Amino acid sequence: ELIQLKYNLATALFESGDNEEAKEFFEDVVYGLEPYVQKDPEGYNDIYIKAIGNLALVYRNIGIMKNDHKIIRDAEQLLVRSVEIADNMLLTKRAVYEPLYASSCQILANFYMNFSMFDESAEYYAKAIDAYINVIKFKEANCNVEFAQTCNNYSVLLRHNGEYSKALEYALYGGKEIKELWLKAPAVYDLIYAKALTSIAIIFTQMEEYDKATKHFMIAIDLYRKSSRNSIDRDEGTAECYTECGVMFAKTNQHENAVNCLEFALKHYEILKRNNCGNYDLQIEYIDKWLKGAKND
């Protein structure tokens, strides 16, 4: 029970951005669980996998902030370990460990994506997607959102690699999953669905299918406008959507529409900056420079 309490506290600290405090408690949880795991793997490996995965994310954040490659390497090793443990437990208790295996693969793939390790990222996205398909097929857990997000992340990777047709396939796959959830609970899934539509629209833009891109951008923008939630996700999503839509209009020489979209994007990035939600200087600088050039023209 004490270990569970420490895990809950560490999770709360991590979610609030207190990585140093979260690190101490997650380390206590991991080291505290090891004797139990050795005696009863089936009983304790599930929380153990979650704990070392979360500890890895804390290490990643600290490593990035301190530019400490050793801590980042430690984070990678922990994530690989979480995948291996879940994989080893699949034959024992698949219903419990396949969702954990899928999640661990997804987190590791995201980790590699953050550090531009695209081959490694693609390998684990593919494993995560296969596992999520099994979980959904056999109704072992409710992970449709995680599956959709993994499809979307994989499509971003494929898009960066110039594999637009394959990227579109996965983006549409993930978008379909989210749309079904959104239709049942619009207020819950509106921002996730809007982000999925934005991702699809970006791929259509790169494939020069501008009518389809415009259609998806407009639906996404409408969802962001109508969302009743005041959150960083809404402002970030709105800013990204308007930026990418503005870029599309600029490519198609729709000058006035491009200016309008980028002005809205700039407004939302400035709101995020004023509220200390992160560093958006590069986005603001890029848009501001483009708008000044457009006005001069």
Protein backbone atom coordinates (compact mmCIF):
# COMPACT_ATOMS: atom_id res chain seq x y z
CA GLU A 1 0.00 0.00 0.00
CA LEU A 2 2.87 2.37 0.78
CA ILE A 3 4.39 1.67 -2.63
CA GLN A 4 1.03 2.36 -4.29
CA LEU A 5 0.73 5.66 -2.40
CA LYS A 6 4.24 6.65 -3.48
CA TYR A 7 3.36 5.74 -7.08
CA ASN A 8 0.24 7.93 -6.97
CA LEU A 9 2.20 10.83 -5.45
CA ALA A 10 5.01 10.46 -8.00
CA THR A 11 2.46 10.47 -10.83
CA ALA A 12 0.82 13.63 -9.48
CA LEU A 13 4.22 15.35 -9.14
CA PHE A 14 5.18 14.30 -12.66
CA GLU A 15 1.94 15.60 -14.12
CA SER A 16 2.44 18.93 -12.32
CA GLY A 17 5.90 19.27 -13.88
CA ASP A 18 7.95 18.59 -10.72
CA ASN A 19 10.38 16.13 -12.27
CA GLU A 20 12.99 16.16 -9.50
CA GLU A 21 10.51 15.24 -6.75
CA ALA A 22 8.76 12.73 -9.02
CA LYS A 23 12.12 11.11 -9.73
CA GLU A 24 12.76 10.40 -6.04
CA PHE A 25 9.37 8.78 -5.48
CA PHE A 26 9.38 6.78 -8.73
CA GLU A 27 12.85 5.45 -7.84
CA ASP A 28 11.50 4.42 -4.40
CA VAL A 29 8.62 2.64 -6.14
CA VAL A 30 10.84 0.81 -8.65
CA TYR A 31 13.39 -0.31 -6.04
CA GLY A 32 10.62 -1.13 -3.56
CA LEU A 33 8.80 -3.31 -6.08
CA GLU A 34 11.80 -5.36 -7.19
CA PRO A 35 11.64 -7.92 -4.32
CA TYR A 36 7.91 -8.44 -4.93
CA VAL A 37 8.44 -8.82 -8.68
CA GLN A 38 11.11 -11.48 -8.10
CA LYS A 39 8.76 -13.49 -5.87
CA ASP A 40 5.55 -13.00 -7.87
CA PRO A 41 6.05 -11.63 -11.41
CA GLU A 42 2.43 -12.24 -12.39
CA GLY A 43 1.15 -10.24 -9.45
CA TYR A 44 3.44 -7.21 -9.60
CA ASN A 45 4.94 -6.81 -13.05
CA ASP A 46 2.01 -4.70 -14.25
CA ILE A 47 2.61 -1.81 -11.83
CA TYR A 48 6.36 -2.37 -12.16
CA ILE A 49 6.17 -1.79 -15.92
CA LYS A 50 4.20 1.42 -15.41
CA ALA A 51 6.59 2.65 -12.73
CA ILE A 52 9.78 2.15 -14.74
CA GLY A 53 8.11 3.67 -17.80
CA ASN A 54 7.16 6.78 -15.85
CA LEU A 55 10.60 6.95 -14.23
CA ALA A 56 12.07 6.83 -17.74
CA LEU A 57 9.94 9.81 -18.81
CA VAL A 58 11.12 11.74 -15.75
CA TYR A 59 14.74 10.91 -16.63
CA ARG A 60 14.08 12.04 -20.20
CA ASN A 61 12.73 15.40 -19.06
CA ILE A 62 15.58 15.98 -16.62
CA GLY A 63 18.14 14.88 -19.22
CA ILE A 64 16.77 17.31 -21.79
CA MET A 65 16.65 20.20 -19.30
CA LYS A 66 20.22 19.55 -18.13
CA ASN A 67 21.49 18.45 -21.56
CA ASP A 68 22.74 15.30 -19.82
CA HIS A 69 23.12 12.49 -22.36
CA LYS A 70 23.78 9.88 -19.67
CA ILE A 71 20.38 10.48 -18.04
CA ILE A 72 18.72 10.35 -21.47
CA ARG A 73 20.49 7.06 -22.14
CA ASP A 74 19.26 5.76 -18.77
CA ALA A 75 15.73 6.74 -19.80
CA GLU A 76 16.05 4.76 -23.04
CA GLN A 77 17.30 1.66 -21.22
CA LEU A 78 14.38 1.80 -18.78
CA LEU A 79 11.88 2.08 -21.64
CA VAL A 80 13.47 -0.85 -23.47
CA ARG A 81 13.27 -2.81 -20.22
CA SER A 82 9.56 -2.05 -19.82
CA VAL A 83 8.90 -3.35 -23.34
CA GLU A 84 10.92 -6.51 -22.71
CA ILE A 85 9.14 -7.30 -19.42
CA ALA A 86 5.70 -6.83 -20.96
CA ASP A 87 6.71 -8.95 -23.96
CA ASN A 88 7.96 -11.75 -21.70
CA MET A 89 4.65 -11.75 -19.80
CA LEU A 90 2.41 -12.03 -22.89
CA LEU A 91 2.25 -15.83 -22.81
CA THR A 92 1.45 -15.80 -19.08
CA LYS A 93 -1.34 -13.20 -18.85
CA ARG A 94 -1.96 -11.74 -22.29
CA ALA A 95 -5.16 -9.92 -21.34
CA VAL A 96 -3.23 -7.91 -18.74
CA TYR A 97 0.11 -7.47 -20.47
CA GLU A 98 -0.74 -6.90 -24.14
CA PRO A 99 -2.21 -3.42 -23.39
CA LEU A 100 0.91 -2.68 -21.32
CA TYR A 101 3.14 -3.98 -24.12
CA ALA A 102 1.35 -1.76 -26.64
CA SER A 103 1.64 1.27 -24.35
CA SER A 104 5.32 0.61 -23.62
CA CYS A 105 6.10 0.29 -27.34
CA GLN A 106 4.23 3.52 -28.02
CA ILE A 107 6.13 5.43 -25.32
CA LEU A 108 9.47 4.09 -26.57
CA ALA A 109 8.56 5.01 -30.15
CA ASN A 110 7.66 8.55 -29.03
CA PHE A 111 10.99 8.73 -27.19
CA TYR A 112 12.93 7.81 -30.33
CA MET A 113 10.83 10.22 -32.39
CA ASN A 114 11.72 13.09 -30.03
CA PHE A 115 15.40 12.44 -30.69
CA SER A 116 14.96 12.00 -34.48
CA MET A 117 15.83 8.29 -34.32
CA PHE A 118 13.34 7.52 -37.06
CA ASP A 119 14.19 3.88 -37.84
CA GLU A 120 13.91 2.86 -34.18
CA SER A 121 10.74 4.92 -33.79
CA ALA A 122 9.10 3.26 -36.81
CA GLU A 123 9.93 -0.22 -35.47
CA TYR A 124 8.17 0.39 -32.15
CA TYR A 125 5.21 2.28 -33.61
CA ALA A 126 4.55 -0.75 -35.82
CA LYS A 127 4.76 -3.09 -32.79
CA ALA A 128 2.45 -0.84 -30.76
CA ILE A 129 -0.14 -0.68 -33.55
CA ASP A 130 -0.15 -4.48 -33.99
CA ALA A 131 -0.60 -4.95 -30.24
CA TYR A 132 -3.37 -2.36 -29.98
CA ILE A 133 -5.22 -4.06 -32.85
CA ASN A 134 -5.11 -7.33 -30.89
CA VAL A 135 -6.28 -5.64 -27.70
CA ILE A 136 -9.24 -4.02 -29.47
CA LYS A 137 -10.06 -7.20 -31.40
CA PHE A 138 -10.21 -9.35 -28.27
CA LYS A 139 -11.75 -6.54 -26.16
CA GLU A 140 -9.07 -6.88 -23.52
CA ALA A 141 -9.02 -3.16 -22.65
CA ASN A 142 -10.45 0.17 -23.76
CA CYS A 143 -7.51 1.67 -25.63
CA ASN A 144 -9.08 3.14 -28.77
CA VAL A 145 -7.74 6.61 -27.98
CA GLU A 146 -4.19 5.33 -27.44
CA PHE A 147 -4.43 3.32 -30.65
CA ALA A 148 -5.63 6.36 -32.61
CA GLN A 149 -2.86 8.54 -31.18
CA THR A 150 -0.25 5.92 -32.06
CA CYS A 151 -1.56 5.77 -35.64
CA ASN A 152 -1.40 9.55 -35.81
CA ASN A 153 2.15 9.70 -34.43
CA TYR A 154 3.27 7.01 -36.85
CA SER A 155 1.71 8.98 -39.71
CA VAL A 156 3.73 12.05 -38.66
CA LEU A 157 6.90 9.97 -38.82
CA LEU A 158 5.98 8.61 -42.25
CA ARG A 159 5.15 12.14 -43.40
CA HIS A 160 8.61 13.35 -42.34
CA ASN A 161 10.11 10.49 -44.35
CA GLY A 162 8.12 11.56 -47.43
CA GLU A 163 5.93 8.42 -47.40
CA TYR A 164 2.74 10.43 -47.89
CA SER A 165 0.41 7.66 -49.08
CA LYS A 166 1.30 5.41 -46.16
CA ALA A 167 1.13 8.39 -43.77
CA LEU A 168 -2.37 9.19 -45.01
CA GLU A 169 -3.45 5.58 -44.52
CA TYR A 170 -2.51 5.61 -40.84
CA ALA A 171 -3.79 9.15 -40.26
CA LEU A 172 -7.19 8.19 -41.68
CA TYR A 173 -7.17 4.97 -39.64
CA GLY A 174 -6.56 6.87 -36.42
CA GLY A 175 -8.99 9.63 -37.39
CA LYS A 176 -11.77 7.08 -37.95
CA GLU A 177 -11.26 5.65 -34.44
CA ILE A 178 -11.42 9.09 -32.86
CA LYS A 179 -14.43 10.17 -34.92
CA GLU A 180 -16.44 7.21 -33.62
CA LEU A 181 -15.61 8.23 -30.04
CA TRP A 182 -16.32 11.90 -30.80
CA LEU A 183 -19.76 11.09 -32.18
CA LYS A 184 -20.63 9.43 -28.86
CA ALA A 185 -19.09 12.11 -26.62
CA PRO A 186 -18.31 15.32 -28.57
CA ALA A 187 -17.25 17.42 -25.57
CA VAL A 188 -14.75 14.79 -24.45
CA TYR A 189 -13.07 14.08 -27.77
CA ASP A 190 -13.43 17.37 -29.70
CA LEU A 191 -9.80 18.48 -29.31
CA ILE A 192 -8.36 15.04 -30.07
CA TYR A 193 -10.55 14.77 -33.17
CA ALA A 194 -9.57 18.29 -34.29
CA LYS A 195 -5.89 17.38 -33.98
CA ALA A 196 -6.41 14.20 -36.01
CA LEU A 197 -8.18 16.19 -38.75
CA THR A 198 -5.32 18.70 -38.79
CA SER A 199 -2.82 15.90 -39.28
CA ILE A 200 -4.85 14.51 -42.20
CA ALA A 201 -5.13 18.00 -43.75
CA ILE A 202 -1.35 18.52 -43.55
CA ILE A 203 -0.77 15.28 -45.47
CA PHE A 204 -3.32 16.27 -48.13
CA THR A 205 -1.48 19.61 -48.46
CA GLN A 206 1.82 17.84 -49.03
CA MET A 207 0.14 15.59 -51.59
CA GLU A 208 -1.22 18.77 -53.28
CA GLU A 209 -4.81 17.65 -52.79
CA TYR A 210 -5.80 21.13 -51.64
CA ASP A 211 -9.60 20.77 -51.74
CA LYS A 212 -9.44 17.81 -49.36
CA ALA A 213 -6.93 19.62 -47.18
CA THR A 214 -9.17 22.71 -46.97
CA LYS A 215 -12.18 20.60 -46.01
CA HIS A 216 -10.33 18.93 -43.11
CA PHE A 217 -8.76 22.21 -41.93
CA MET A 218 -12.15 23.93 -41.84
CA ILE A 219 -13.76 21.13 -39.79
CA ALA A 220 -10.83 21.17 -37.36
CA ILE A 221 -10.95 24.96 -36.97
CA ASP A 222 -14.69 24.80 -36.31
CA LEU A 223 -14.13 22.17 -33.60
CA TYR A 224 -11.46 24.30 -31.92
CA ARG A 225 -13.71 27.39 -32.05
CA LYS A 226 -16.69 25.59 -30.53
CA SER A 227 -14.74 23.78 -27.80
CA SER A 228 -15.79 24.98 -24.37
CA ARG A 229 -12.49 23.98 -22.76
CA ASN A 230 -9.87 26.59 -21.90
CA SER A 231 -6.67 24.60 -22.12
CA ILE A 232 -3.15 24.61 -23.51
CA ASP A 233 -4.17 21.79 -25.87
CA ARG A 234 -6.91 23.93 -27.39
CA ASP A 235 -4.68 26.98 -27.93
CA GLU A 236 -1.76 24.91 -29.22
CA GLY A 237 -4.02 22.92 -31.53
CA THR A 238 -5.74 26.07 -32.82
CA ALA A 239 -2.40 27.78 -33.44
CA GLU A 240 -1.00 24.75 -35.27
CA CYS A 241 -4.14 24.34 -37.36
CA TYR A 242 -4.25 27.99 -38.42
CA THR A 243 -0.52 27.96 -39.19
CA GLU A 244 -0.70 24.89 -41.42
CA CYS A 245 -3.89 26.15 -43.07
CA GLY A 246 -2.17 29.49 -43.75
CA VAL A 247 0.78 27.67 -45.30
CA MET A 248 -1.61 25.75 -47.57
CA PHE A 249 -3.35 28.97 -48.68
CA ALA A 250 0.04 30.58 -49.37
CA LYS A 251 1.00 27.62 -51.56
CA THR A 252 -2.19 28.04 -53.58
CA ASN A 253 -1.73 31.84 -53.88
CA GLN A 254 -4.80 32.60 -51.75
CA HIS A 255 -3.02 35.57 -50.21
CA GLU A 256 -5.83 37.07 -48.13
CA ASN A 257 -6.84 33.72 -46.63
CA ALA A 258 -3.20 32.96 -45.80
CA VAL A 259 -2.78 36.29 -43.99
CA ASN A 260 -6.01 35.81 -42.01
CA CYS A 261 -5.05 32.30 -40.89
CA LEU A 262 -1.52 33.26 -39.86
CA GLU A 263 -2.77 36.31 -37.94
CA PHE A 264 -5.08 34.03 -35.96
CA ALA A 265 -2.20 31.58 -35.39
CA LEU A 266 0.04 34.41 -34.15
CA LYS A 267 -2.68 35.55 -31.74
CA HIS A 268 -2.94 32.10 -30.16
CA TYR A 269 0.83 31.62 -29.89
CA GLU A 270 1.07 35.00 -28.15
CA ILE A 271 -1.66 33.94 -25.71
CA LEU A 272 0.29 30.78 -24.92
CA LYS A 273 3.49 32.77 -24.41
CA ARG A 274 1.79 35.32 -22.13
CA ASN A 275 0.39 32.49 -20.01
CA ASN A 276 3.88 30.91 -19.70
CA CYS A 277 2.71 27.71 -21.38
CA GLY A 278 6.02 27.11 -23.13
CA ASN A 279 8.54 28.60 -25.52
CA TYR A 280 6.85 29.64 -28.77
CA ASP A 281 9.45 32.21 -29.90
CA LEU A 282 10.33 30.31 -33.09
CA GLN A 283 6.69 30.01 -34.20
CA ILE A 284 6.00 33.66 -33.41
CA GLU A 285 9.15 34.80 -35.19
CA TYR A 286 8.37 32.70 -38.28
CA ILE A 287 4.78 33.94 -38.59
CA ASP A 288 5.66 37.56 -37.79
CA LYS A 289 8.39 37.55 -40.44
CA TRP A 290 6.05 36.03 -43.02
CA LEU A 291 3.27 38.55 -42.28
CA LYS A 292 5.67 41.49 -42.53
CA GLY A 293 6.93 40.18 -45.86
CA ALA A 294 3.38 39.67 -47.11
CA LYS A 295 2.37 43.21 -46.17
CA ASN A 296 5.45 44.65 -47.84
CA ASP A 297 4.57 42.75 -51.02
